Amino acid sequence: MINNPHPMKVYIYFMAIWAALFLLLCVNGIQAQTATDWDGNIYHTVNIGTQVWMSENLKSLHYSDSTVIDYVWSYNISDSLAAIYGRLYSWEAAMHSAASSNNIPSGVQGVCPDGWHLPSSAEWRILIDYNGGEMEAGAKLKEADTIHWDPPNAEATNESGFTALPGGSGGKSGGYNFMGGIGFWLSSYRVNDFISIVSMVYNDPFAYISFEYILDSNVGYSVRCLRNASATQITVIDNSEQFSIYPNPATDEIIIRSENSSSMDLSIYGIEGKLVLQKQLKHQENHIDISALPEGIYAVSIRSSQGIVQKKLIKVL
């Protein structure tokens, strides 16, 4: 005979899982948010100070308007390496015909998905200064092991969550170099024949901003995209009465009722932080089909002009 679990034990179990999920979503702000490029690649993101960064190097082969990107390469022509380290883009490809900018924000979407942009040198400077300046920021930004970085990966902690990986450089004309040893990231800023780039290396904790001479369009570097809206414009409100979800627990459908009629964006995340459903809410009462979701606990996040509200949802069969 199989005994049913005690209701209180089930409740404690669900609450423990929800607490873990909520912590995952709220560490460094809205860390579990994701971005998606035209090719369908999904990128994790992280709030660092007043900025929201992708925590992965870009992999896209198309601009957001579906145009194929020229002058983009995978290291050693290997798609498996590109899946880990991202692809390498010439500065011209990354800019997508935009003019050089060192503004905050840069205003250059370039190769980045909608809602994101190629950071200016000044925006990279904000990131580096927030993490202690050039002499120590690399340690806080680099992935903290030697799986992808060559030993010793000096002092790396990745306490920022940025997870910098050493994608190296290379392309059509110059071969491929430095994967595992150095990461180079493009900015939107160019002065004459020099572009501002950020580099981090395996054997020190530094994050350098320097200028590289452009010989031609056939040398590529990594790209990290920065979200257009800064983290300071986002407010996370838990247990808010701004909207209600019912029934909860639910089986096939939930109804989300809002106190206002302004357009809002709905995102639902699984226990591991993966985005499983996204929808725009246009009415005060919205019927959402959740029949395809597996049984479990989810985080419901709704973004409006006032900020982001998060609540839990229990899906049952």
Foldseek 3Di string as FASTA:
>chain_A
DDDDDDPVVVVVVQVVLVVLLVCVCCVQHRQLDWDAAPVGDIFTWHAQPFWIWTLAWAADQAARVRHGQPQKAAAVNDVVNCVHHNIWFFLCQQQVPDAFAQDVARPGQRRHHPQKRFHAPNVVQVQQVSQPHFQANQQLQADPPQPFAPPPQPNHDVVRSSHHAARAKFFDPDHGDQGNFKAKEFHRHDDDQWGWIWMDGRPHRGIDTDIDGDPDRGMTHIYMIIGPGISVQADEDEPDVQWDWPDFQDEFKIKIAGPDQPKKKKWKADSVSDTDDIDIHRGRIDIDTPNPPDFDKIWIWIQDSNHIYIDMGGYDD
